[in-house]
Amino acid sequence: MTPPKRENPWLLLARRVFGGLFNAMLWACVACEVVLVAFLGGDDRVTPAVLSAVIVSSGVLQWWTERQAEGMMLALQEMQAAADVRAFRRREGKSSAALVPAERLLPRA
């Protein structure tokens, strides 16, 4: 079994921070707040900054957690050995032993 192709980690981070419907709505809210401050004389400059920090930090946290999980899965895959397995078989009172490749132990899907 071949592992899936790995994506660029920076693209994954950008996808976590800017992607998805919920993040798009939050960024739209930040844009509206900036428009209020810049063009309509709004006095609340803290809300867009705090909202942006929350969006970015939640995206970075999700990205970091996924990277750690991916690292753990790679470590588990490296521990897996593809060595031949000794198989014992008894039929009609006779026993036999054979070395079987690990790939042939499971049926093909």
N, C-alpha and C. Protein backbone atom coordinates (compact mmCIF):
# COMPACT_ATOMS: atom_id res chain seq x y z
N MET A 1 0.85 -1.17 0.00
CA MET A 1 0.00 0.00 0.00
C MET A 1 0.90 1.23 0.00
N THR A 2 0.65 2.12 -0.92
CA THR A 2 1.45 3.34 -1.00
C THR A 2 0.78 4.45 -0.20
N PRO A 3 1.58 5.21 0.54
CA PRO A 3 1.00 6.32 1.32
C PRO A 3 0.54 7.43 0.39
N PRO A 4 -0.43 8.23 0.84
CA PRO A 4 -0.90 9.34 0.00
C PRO A 4 0.18 10.41 -0.16
N LYS A 5 0.09 11.14 -1.25
CA LYS A 5 1.04 12.21 -1.51
C LYS A 5 0.86 13.32 -0.47
N ARG A 6 1.99 13.80 0.06
CA ARG A 6 1.93 14.84 1.09
C ARG A 6 1.88 16.21 0.44
N GLU A 7 1.04 17.06 1.02
CA GLU A 7 0.90 18.43 0.52
C GLU A 7 1.91 19.34 1.19
N ASN A 8 2.13 20.48 0.58
CA ASN A 8 3.01 21.49 1.14
C ASN A 8 2.41 21.98 2.47
N PRO A 9 3.19 21.98 3.56
CA PRO A 9 2.63 22.39 4.86
C PRO A 9 2.17 23.84 4.89
N TRP A 10 2.79 24.71 4.10
CA TRP A 10 2.38 26.12 4.10
C TRP A 10 1.05 26.30 3.38
N LEU A 11 0.80 25.50 2.36
CA LEU A 11 -0.51 25.55 1.71
C LEU A 11 -1.60 25.04 2.64
N LEU A 12 -1.27 24.01 3.42
CA LEU A 12 -2.23 23.50 4.40
C LEU A 12 -2.55 24.57 5.45
N LEU A 13 -1.52 25.30 5.89
CA LEU A 13 -1.74 26.36 6.88
C LEU A 13 -2.64 27.45 6.29
N ALA A 14 -2.36 27.86 5.06
CA ALA A 14 -3.20 28.88 4.43
C ALA A 14 -4.64 28.39 4.27
N ARG A 15 -4.80 27.12 3.96
CA ARG A 15 -6.15 26.56 3.81
C ARG A 15 -6.88 26.55 5.16
N ARG A 16 -6.16 26.28 6.24
CA ARG A 16 -6.80 26.26 7.56
C ARG A 16 -7.18 27.66 8.02
N VAL A 17 -6.36 28.66 7.69
CA VAL A 17 -6.62 30.02 8.16
C VAL A 17 -7.67 30.72 7.29
N PHE A 18 -7.59 30.55 5.97
CA PHE A 18 -8.47 31.30 5.07
C PHE A 18 -9.57 30.46 4.44
N GLY A 19 -9.49 29.16 4.53
CA GLY A 19 -10.46 28.30 3.85
C GLY A 19 -11.67 27.99 4.70
N GLY A 20 -12.67 27.47 4.06
CA GLY A 20 -13.88 27.08 4.76
C GLY A 20 -14.89 28.21 4.84
N LEU A 21 -16.13 27.84 4.90
CA LEU A 21 -17.22 28.82 4.92
C LEU A 21 -17.19 29.66 6.20
N PHE A 22 -16.96 29.02 7.34
CA PHE A 22 -16.98 29.75 8.61
C PHE A 22 -15.86 30.79 8.65
N ASN A 23 -14.65 30.40 8.24
CA ASN A 23 -13.54 31.36 8.22
C ASN A 23 -13.79 32.47 7.22
N ALA A 24 -14.41 32.15 6.09
CA ALA A 24 -14.72 33.19 5.10
C ALA A 24 -15.70 34.21 5.68
N MET A 25 -16.68 33.74 6.43
CA MET A 25 -17.64 34.66 7.06
C MET A 25 -16.95 35.51 8.13
N LEU A 26 -16.03 34.92 8.88
CA LEU A 26 -15.30 35.70 9.89
C LEU A 26 -14.42 36.75 9.23
N TRP A 27 -13.73 36.39 8.13
CA TRP A 27 -12.91 37.38 7.43
C TRP A 27 -13.77 38.47 6.82
N ALA A 28 -14.97 38.14 6.37
CA ALA A 28 -15.89 39.17 5.86
C ALA A 28 -16.29 40.12 6.99
N CYS A 29 -16.47 39.58 8.18
CA CYS A 29 -16.79 40.42 9.33
C CYS A 29 -15.62 41.36 9.65
N VAL A 30 -14.40 40.84 9.58
CA VAL A 30 -13.22 41.69 9.79
C VAL A 30 -13.18 42.80 8.74
N ALA A 31 -13.44 42.45 7.49
CA ALA A 31 -13.43 43.46 6.42
C ALA A 31 -14.49 44.53 6.66
N CYS A 32 -15.67 44.13 7.11
CA CYS A 32 -16.72 45.11 7.42
C CYS A 32 -16.30 46.03 8.56
N GLU A 33 -15.67 45.47 9.58
CA GLU A 33 -15.20 46.30 10.70
C GLU A 33 -14.13 47.29 10.23
N VAL A 34 -13.23 46.84 9.35
CA VAL A 34 -12.19 47.74 8.84
C VAL A 34 -12.82 48.85 8.00
N VAL A 35 -13.82 48.52 7.20
CA VAL A 35 -14.53 49.54 6.41
C VAL A 35 -15.21 50.54 7.33
N LEU A 36 -15.82 50.05 8.41
CA LEU A 36 -16.46 50.96 9.37
C LEU A 36 -15.45 51.93 9.97
N VAL A 37 -14.28 51.41 10.33
CA VAL A 37 -13.26 52.26 10.95
C VAL A 37 -12.68 53.24 9.92
N ALA A 38 -12.36 52.75 8.73
CA ALA A 38 -11.64 53.57 7.76
C ALA A 38 -12.53 54.60 7.07
N PHE A 39 -13.73 54.20 6.68
CA PHE A 39 -14.53 55.08 5.82
C PHE A 39 -15.74 55.71 6.50
N LEU A 40 -16.24 55.08 7.54
CA LEU A 40 -17.46 55.60 8.16
C LEU A 40 -17.21 56.20 9.54
N GLY A 41 -15.96 56.39 9.90
CA GLY A 41 -15.64 57.07 11.15
C GLY A 41 -15.93 56.26 12.39
N GLY A 42 -15.87 54.95 12.28
CA GLY A 42 -16.08 54.12 13.47
C GLY A 42 -14.91 54.26 14.43
N ASP A 43 -15.18 54.06 15.71
CA ASP A 43 -14.13 54.23 16.70
C ASP A 43 -13.66 52.91 17.30
N ASP A 44 -14.19 51.80 16.86
CA ASP A 44 -13.81 50.49 17.41
C ASP A 44 -12.73 49.86 16.54
N ARG A 45 -11.48 50.05 16.93
CA ARG A 45 -10.36 49.49 16.18
C ARG A 45 -9.87 48.18 16.78
N VAL A 46 -10.35 47.84 17.95
CA VAL A 46 -9.87 46.64 18.63
C VAL A 46 -10.55 45.38 18.10
N THR A 47 -11.83 45.48 17.79
CA THR A 47 -12.60 44.29 17.37
C THR A 47 -12.01 43.61 16.14
N PRO A 48 -11.67 44.34 15.05
CA PRO A 48 -11.09 43.63 13.91
C PRO A 48 -9.76 42.96 14.23
N ALA A 49 -8.95 43.62 15.06
CA ALA A 49 -7.66 43.04 15.42
C ALA A 49 -7.83 41.77 16.25
N VAL A 50 -8.73 41.82 17.22
CA VAL A 50 -8.96 40.65 18.06
C VAL A 50 -9.57 39.51 17.25
N LEU A 51 -10.53 39.82 16.41
CA LEU A 51 -11.17 38.80 15.58
C LEU A 51 -10.15 38.17 14.63
N SER A 52 -9.29 38.97 14.03
CA SER A 52 -8.24 38.44 13.15
C SER A 52 -7.29 37.53 13.92
N ALA A 53 -6.92 37.94 15.13
CA ALA A 53 -6.02 37.12 15.95
C ALA A 53 -6.66 35.78 16.30
N VAL A 54 -7.94 35.79 16.61
CA VAL A 54 -8.65 34.55 16.94
C VAL A 54 -8.71 33.62 15.73
N ILE A 55 -9.01 34.17 14.56
CA ILE A 55 -9.10 33.36 13.35
C ILE A 55 -7.74 32.73 13.03
N VAL A 56 -6.70 33.54 13.06
CA VAL A 56 -5.36 33.03 12.72
C VAL A 56 -4.89 32.02 13.76
N SER A 57 -5.11 32.29 15.04
CA SER A 57 -4.64 31.36 16.06
C SER A 57 -5.39 30.03 16.01
N SER A 58 -6.68 30.06 15.73
CA SER A 58 -7.41 28.79 15.63
C SER A 58 -6.96 28.00 14.41
N GLY A 59 -6.68 28.68 13.30
CA GLY A 59 -6.17 28.00 12.12
C GLY A 59 -4.80 27.39 12.35
N VAL A 60 -3.92 28.14 13.02
CA VAL A 60 -2.59 27.63 13.33
C VAL A 60 -2.66 26.45 14.28
N LEU A 61 -3.53 26.51 15.27
CA LEU A 61 -3.68 25.40 16.21
C LEU A 61 -4.18 24.14 15.49
N GLN A 62 -5.14 24.29 14.61
CA GLN A 62 -5.65 23.14 13.86
C GLN A 62 -4.55 22.57 12.96
N TRP A 63 -3.80 23.44 12.29
CA TRP A 63 -2.72 23.01 11.42
C TRP A 63 -1.64 22.27 12.20
N TRP A 64 -1.26 22.81 13.35
CA TRP A 64 -0.22 22.19 14.18
C TRP A 64 -0.67 20.81 14.67
N THR A 65 -1.92 20.69 15.09
CA THR A 65 -2.44 19.41 15.55
C THR A 65 -2.43 18.39 14.42
N GLU A 66 -2.82 18.80 13.23
CA GLU A 66 -2.81 17.88 12.09
C GLU A 66 -1.39 17.46 11.73
N ARG A 67 -0.43 18.37 11.83
CA ARG A 67 0.98 18.02 11.56
C ARG A 67 1.49 16.99 12.56
N GLN A 68 1.14 17.16 13.84
CA GLN A 68 1.56 16.19 14.84
C GLN A 68 0.94 14.83 14.58
N ALA A 69 -0.33 14.79 14.24
CA ALA A 69 -1.00 13.52 13.95
C ALA A 69 -0.38 12.86 12.72
N GLU A 70 -0.04 13.65 11.72
CA GLU A 70 0.59 13.10 10.52
C GLU A 70 1.96 12.51 10.86
N GLY A 71 2.70 13.20 11.72
CA GLY A 71 4.00 12.68 12.15
C GLY A 71 3.87 11.37 12.90
N MET A 72 2.86 11.25 13.74
CA MET A 72 2.64 10.00 14.46
C MET A 72 2.27 8.87 13.50
N MET A 73 1.45 9.17 12.51
CA MET A 73 1.07 8.14 11.54
C MET A 73 2.28 7.70 10.71
N LEU A 74 3.15 8.63 10.35
CA LEU A 74 4.36 8.25 9.62
C LEU A 74 5.27 7.38 10.47
N ALA A 75 5.37 7.69 11.76
CA ALA A 75 6.19 6.87 12.65
C ALA A 75 5.62 5.46 12.75
N LEU A 76 4.30 5.34 12.82
CA LEU A 76 3.69 4.01 12.86
C LEU A 76 3.92 3.25 11.56
N GLN A 77 3.86 3.92 10.43
CA GLN A 77 4.10 3.26 9.15
C GLN A 77 5.53 2.78 9.04
N GLU A 78 6.48 3.54 9.57
CA GLU A 78 7.88 3.13 9.53
C GLU A 78 8.14 1.94 10.44
N MET A 79 7.37 1.80 11.50
CA MET A 79 7.54 0.66 12.40
C MET A 79 7.02 -0.63 11.78
N GLN A 80 6.12 -0.52 10.83
CA GLN A 80 5.51 -1.68 10.22
C GLN A 80 6.52 -2.38 9.32
N ALA A 81 6.74 -3.66 9.55
CA ALA A 81 7.70 -4.42 8.78
C ALA A 81 6.99 -5.19 7.67
N ALA A 82 7.63 -5.25 6.53
CA ALA A 82 7.07 -6.01 5.40
C ALA A 82 7.87 -7.30 5.21
N ALA A 83 8.29 -7.90 6.31
CA ALA A 83 9.09 -9.12 6.24
C ALA A 83 8.18 -10.32 5.98
N ASP A 84 8.80 -11.38 5.50
CA ASP A 84 8.05 -12.61 5.28
C ASP A 84 7.58 -13.19 6.61
N VAL A 85 6.45 -13.87 6.55
CA VAL A 85 5.83 -14.43 7.75
C VAL A 85 5.84 -15.95 7.62
N ARG A 86 6.22 -16.62 8.69
CA ARG A 86 6.20 -18.08 8.68
C ARG A 86 4.78 -18.55 8.96
N ALA A 87 4.24 -19.31 8.03
CA ALA A 87 2.87 -19.82 8.16
C ALA A 87 2.92 -21.34 8.33
N PHE A 88 2.16 -21.83 9.30
CA PHE A 88 2.06 -23.27 9.55
C PHE A 88 0.70 -23.74 9.10
N ARG A 89 0.69 -24.92 8.48
CA ARG A 89 -0.56 -25.45 7.96
C ARG A 89 -0.61 -26.95 8.22
N ARG A 90 -1.78 -27.41 8.65
CA ARG A 90 -1.97 -28.84 8.87
C ARG A 90 -3.16 -29.28 8.04
N ARG A 91 -2.92 -30.27 7.19
CA ARG A 91 -3.97 -30.81 6.33
C ARG A 91 -3.79 -32.32 6.23
N GLU A 92 -4.88 -33.03 6.52
CA GLU A 92 -4.93 -34.49 6.44
C GLU A 92 -3.81 -35.13 7.26
N GLY A 93 -3.58 -34.59 8.43
CA GLY A 93 -2.59 -35.15 9.34
C GLY A 93 -1.16 -34.76 9.04
N LYS A 94 -0.92 -34.06 7.98
CA LYS A 94 0.43 -33.63 7.64
C LYS A 94 0.54 -32.14 7.92
N SER A 95 1.67 -31.75 8.47
CA SER A 95 1.89 -30.33 8.73
C SER A 95 3.01 -29.82 7.83
N SER A 96 2.89 -28.58 7.46
CA SER A 96 3.91 -27.96 6.62
C SER A 96 4.09 -26.51 7.06
N ALA A 97 5.26 -25.99 6.78
CA ALA A 97 5.57 -24.60 7.10
C ALA A 97 6.09 -23.93 5.85
N ALA A 98 5.75 -22.67 5.69
CA ALA A 98 6.21 -21.92 4.53
C ALA A 98 6.37 -20.46 4.90
N LEU A 99 7.27 -19.80 4.21
CA LEU A 99 7.43 -18.35 4.37
C LEU A 99 6.54 -17.67 3.33
N VAL A 100 5.65 -16.82 3.81
CA VAL A 100 4.69 -16.14 2.94
C VAL A 100 4.98 -14.64 2.99
N PRO A 101 5.06 -13.98 1.83
CA PRO A 101 5.25 -12.52 1.84
C PRO A 101 4.08 -11.83 2.54
N ALA A 102 4.37 -10.76 3.26
CA ALA A 102 3.34 -10.07 4.04
C ALA A 102 2.22 -9.53 3.15
N GLU A 103 2.54 -9.17 1.92
CA GLU A 103 1.52 -8.63 1.02
C GLU A 103 0.46 -9.66 0.65
N ARG A 104 0.80 -10.95 0.72
CA ARG A 104 -0.14 -11.99 0.32
C ARG A 104 -1.01 -12.47 1.47
N LEU A 105 -0.83 -11.94 2.67
CA LEU A 105 -1.61 -12.40 3.82
C LEU A 105 -3.04 -11.89 3.80
N LEU A 106 -3.27 -10.72 3.24
CA LEU A 106 -4.61 -10.14 3.21
C LEU A 106 -5.18 -10.23 1.81
N PRO A 107 -6.48 -10.44 1.72
CA PRO A 107 -7.08 -10.47 0.38
C PRO A 107 -7.02 -9.09 -0.27
N ARG A 108 -6.94 -9.09 -1.57
CA ARG A 108 -6.90 -7.81 -2.30
C ARG A 108 -8.28 -7.18 -2.31
N ALA A 109 -8.32 -5.87 -2.13
CA ALA A 109 -9.60 -5.17 -2.11
C ALA A 109 -10.00 -4.73 -3.49
